Amino acid sequence: MRYSIRELIFEITQESDGGYVAECLTEPIVTQGDDWASMRSAVDEAVRGYFFDAPDAARGRIRLHLVKNEILDKV
């Protein structure tokens, strides 16, 4: 059976320390990075690692969806 991803969507959240956590919405893939660039590399590496036994299956689009949760306190 040949399996190929069309698109993996990762929900990205920024931690209080400034780092990022990326969690795939369709596959059990979670990774993190200290900054945006390292998080992007970590996502790419995690996807290749998840599909290590079928490298062609890892081809496709990876969408990074940044979720920002901000609270403004009005005094």
N, C-alpha and C. Protein backbone atom coordinates (compact mmCIF):
# COMPACT_ATOMS: atom_id res chain seq x y z
N MET A 1 0.84 -1.18 0.00
CA MET A 1 0.00 0.00 0.00
C MET A 1 0.88 1.25 0.00
N ARG A 2 0.59 2.15 -0.86
CA ARG A 2 1.36 3.39 -0.95
C ARG A 2 0.56 4.51 -0.31
N TYR A 3 1.15 5.16 0.68
CA TYR A 3 0.48 6.23 1.41
C TYR A 3 1.25 7.52 1.19
N SER A 4 0.56 8.58 0.90
CA SER A 4 1.21 9.87 0.68
C SER A 4 0.38 10.96 1.35
N ILE A 5 1.04 11.84 2.08
CA ILE A 5 0.33 12.94 2.70
C ILE A 5 0.03 14.00 1.66
N ARG A 6 -1.06 14.66 1.81
CA ARG A 6 -1.34 15.82 0.97
C ARG A 6 -0.98 17.07 1.76
N GLU A 7 -1.39 17.09 3.02
CA GLU A 7 -1.09 18.24 3.86
C GLU A 7 -1.17 17.82 5.32
N LEU A 8 -0.15 18.18 6.06
CA LEU A 8 -0.16 18.01 7.52
C LEU A 8 -0.31 19.40 8.11
N ILE A 9 -1.21 19.54 9.06
CA ILE A 9 -1.44 20.82 9.70
C ILE A 9 -0.92 20.75 11.13
N PHE A 10 -0.04 21.68 11.46
CA PHE A 10 0.50 21.77 12.81
C PHE A 10 -0.05 23.01 13.48
N GLU A 11 -0.54 22.83 14.69
CA GLU A 11 -0.97 23.97 15.51
C GLU A 11 0.24 24.39 16.33
N ILE A 12 0.64 25.64 16.20
CA ILE A 12 1.82 26.15 16.87
C ILE A 12 1.38 27.09 17.99
N THR A 13 1.90 26.85 19.17
CA THR A 13 1.65 27.76 20.29
C THR A 13 2.98 28.26 20.84
N GLN A 14 2.98 29.50 21.27
CA GLN A 14 4.18 30.07 21.86
C GLN A 14 4.10 29.92 23.37
N GLU A 15 5.16 29.39 23.93
CA GLU A 15 5.24 29.18 25.37
C GLU A 15 5.62 30.47 26.08
N SER A 16 5.41 30.51 27.37
CA SER A 16 5.71 31.72 28.14
C SER A 16 7.20 32.07 28.12
N ASP A 17 8.07 31.06 27.89
CA ASP A 17 9.51 31.32 27.83
C ASP A 17 9.95 31.80 26.45
N GLY A 18 9.01 31.92 25.51
CA GLY A 18 9.33 32.41 24.17
C GLY A 18 9.49 31.31 23.14
N GLY A 19 9.63 30.07 23.57
CA GLY A 19 9.77 28.95 22.63
C GLY A 19 8.43 28.58 22.01
N TYR A 20 8.46 27.66 21.07
CA TYR A 20 7.26 27.24 20.36
C TYR A 20 7.06 25.73 20.48
N VAL A 21 5.81 25.32 20.53
CA VAL A 21 5.44 23.91 20.53
C VAL A 21 4.54 23.68 19.31
N ALA A 22 4.85 22.63 18.55
CA ALA A 22 4.09 22.31 17.34
C ALA A 22 3.46 20.93 17.51
N GLU A 23 2.15 20.87 17.31
CA GLU A 23 1.42 19.60 17.42
C GLU A 23 0.61 19.39 16.15
N CYS A 24 0.84 18.24 15.51
CA CYS A 24 0.11 17.91 14.28
C CYS A 24 -1.32 17.54 14.65
N LEU A 25 -2.27 18.00 13.84
CA LEU A 25 -3.68 17.75 14.12
C LEU A 25 -4.16 16.40 13.59
N THR A 26 -3.40 15.77 12.68
CA THR A 26 -3.87 14.53 12.07
C THR A 26 -2.99 13.31 12.35
N GLU A 27 -1.78 13.52 12.79
CA GLU A 27 -0.84 12.44 13.10
C GLU A 27 -0.26 12.69 14.48
N PRO A 28 0.20 11.65 15.16
CA PRO A 28 0.77 11.85 16.51
C PRO A 28 2.21 12.37 16.44
N ILE A 29 2.36 13.61 15.98
CA ILE A 29 3.67 14.25 15.85
C ILE A 29 3.66 15.53 16.67
N VAL A 30 4.60 15.63 17.61
CA VAL A 30 4.74 16.83 18.45
C VAL A 30 6.22 17.16 18.52
N THR A 31 6.54 18.43 18.42
CA THR A 31 7.93 18.85 18.53
C THR A 31 7.98 20.29 19.04
N GLN A 32 9.18 20.82 19.22
CA GLN A 32 9.32 22.17 19.76
C GLN A 32 10.59 22.81 19.26
N GLY A 33 10.67 24.13 19.42
CA GLY A 33 11.86 24.88 19.05
C GLY A 33 11.96 26.14 19.88
N ASP A 34 13.18 26.61 20.05
CA ASP A 34 13.41 27.80 20.87
C ASP A 34 12.98 29.08 20.17
N ASP A 35 13.02 29.08 18.84
CA ASP A 35 12.58 30.24 18.07
C ASP A 35 11.87 29.71 16.82
N TRP A 36 11.34 30.62 16.00
CA TRP A 36 10.53 30.21 14.85
C TRP A 36 11.35 29.36 13.87
N ALA A 37 12.57 29.76 13.60
CA ALA A 37 13.41 29.03 12.64
C ALA A 37 13.71 27.62 13.14
N SER A 38 14.08 27.48 14.40
CA SER A 38 14.39 26.14 14.92
C SER A 38 13.14 25.29 15.03
N MET A 39 11.99 25.91 15.30
CA MET A 39 10.74 25.16 15.34
C MET A 39 10.39 24.64 13.96
N ARG A 40 10.57 25.45 12.92
CA ARG A 40 10.32 25.00 11.54
C ARG A 40 11.20 23.81 11.18
N SER A 41 12.48 23.89 11.54
CA SER A 41 13.40 22.77 11.28
C SER A 41 12.98 21.54 12.06
N ALA A 42 12.56 21.73 13.30
CA ALA A 42 12.13 20.61 14.13
C ALA A 42 10.89 19.93 13.56
N VAL A 43 9.96 20.71 13.01
CA VAL A 43 8.76 20.14 12.39
C VAL A 43 9.16 19.29 11.19
N ASP A 44 10.03 19.83 10.34
CA ASP A 44 10.49 19.09 9.16
C ASP A 44 11.17 17.78 9.57
N GLU A 45 12.04 17.85 10.56
CA GLU A 45 12.75 16.66 11.04
C GLU A 45 11.78 15.66 11.67
N ALA A 46 10.80 16.14 12.42
CA ALA A 46 9.83 15.25 13.06
C ALA A 46 8.97 14.53 12.02
N VAL A 47 8.59 15.23 10.97
CA VAL A 47 7.79 14.60 9.92
C VAL A 47 8.62 13.53 9.20
N ARG A 48 9.87 13.86 8.86
CA ARG A 48 10.73 12.87 8.22
C ARG A 48 10.96 11.67 9.14
N GLY A 49 11.10 11.92 10.44
CA GLY A 49 11.27 10.83 11.39
C GLY A 49 10.03 9.96 11.52
N TYR A 50 8.88 10.58 11.51
CA TYR A 50 7.62 9.85 11.63
C TYR A 50 7.42 8.92 10.43
N PHE A 51 7.79 9.38 9.25
CA PHE A 51 7.64 8.59 8.04
C PHE A 51 8.97 7.96 7.61
N PHE A 52 9.84 7.62 8.59
CA PHE A 52 11.18 7.12 8.27
C PHE A 52 11.18 5.87 7.40
N ASP A 53 10.18 5.02 7.57
CA ASP A 53 10.14 3.77 6.80
C ASP A 53 9.53 3.94 5.42
N ALA A 54 9.00 5.11 5.13
CA ALA A 54 8.42 5.40 3.82
C ALA A 54 8.69 6.87 3.48
N PRO A 55 9.95 7.20 3.14
CA PRO A 55 10.31 8.60 2.91
C PRO A 55 9.47 9.30 1.85
N ASP A 56 9.01 8.57 0.85
CA ASP A 56 8.16 9.19 -0.17
C ASP A 56 6.82 9.63 0.40
N ALA A 57 6.39 8.98 1.47
CA ALA A 57 5.11 9.32 2.09
C ALA A 57 5.15 10.69 2.76
N ALA A 58 6.35 11.15 3.11
CA ALA A 58 6.49 12.44 3.80
C ALA A 58 6.41 13.62 2.84
N ARG A 59 6.28 13.36 1.57
CA ARG A 59 6.19 14.45 0.60
C ARG A 59 4.80 15.06 0.64
N GLY A 60 4.74 16.33 0.53
CA GLY A 60 3.46 17.03 0.56
C GLY A 60 3.64 18.39 1.20
N ARG A 61 2.57 18.95 1.64
CA ARG A 61 2.58 20.29 2.23
C ARG A 61 2.46 20.18 3.75
N ILE A 62 3.21 21.03 4.42
CA ILE A 62 3.11 21.15 5.88
C ILE A 62 2.62 22.57 6.17
N ARG A 63 1.49 22.67 6.82
CA ARG A 63 0.93 23.98 7.17
C ARG A 63 1.18 24.24 8.65
N LEU A 64 1.74 25.40 8.95
CA LEU A 64 2.00 25.81 10.33
C LEU A 64 0.98 26.88 10.69
N HIS A 65 0.14 26.56 11.66
CA HIS A 65 -0.94 27.47 12.08
C HIS A 65 -0.59 28.00 13.46
N LEU A 66 -0.19 29.28 13.53
CA LEU A 66 0.19 29.90 14.79
C LEU A 66 -1.05 30.33 15.55
N VAL A 67 -1.18 29.82 16.76
CA VAL A 67 -2.29 30.18 17.64
C VAL A 67 -1.74 31.11 18.70
N LYS A 68 -2.30 32.29 18.77
CA LYS A 68 -1.83 33.27 19.75
C LYS A 68 -2.94 33.56 20.73
N ASN A 69 -2.67 33.32 21.98
CA ASN A 69 -3.63 33.55 23.04
C ASN A 69 -3.12 34.72 23.86
N GLU A 70 -3.76 35.87 23.71
CA GLU A 70 -3.30 37.08 24.37
C GLU A 70 -4.41 37.66 25.23
N ILE A 71 -4.05 38.08 26.42
CA ILE A 71 -5.01 38.67 27.34
C ILE A 71 -4.59 40.12 27.61
N LEU A 72 -5.53 41.00 27.41
CA LEU A 72 -5.29 42.41 27.72
C LEU A 72 -6.07 42.77 28.96
N ASP A 73 -5.39 43.08 30.03
CA ASP A 73 -6.06 43.49 31.26
C ASP A 73 -6.27 45.00 31.21
N LYS A 74 -7.49 45.39 31.37
CA LYS A 74 -7.80 46.83 31.41
C LYS A 74 -7.92 47.23 32.87
N VAL A 75 -7.17 48.21 33.24
CA VAL A 75 -7.16 48.66 34.63
C VAL A 75 -7.95 49.92 34.78
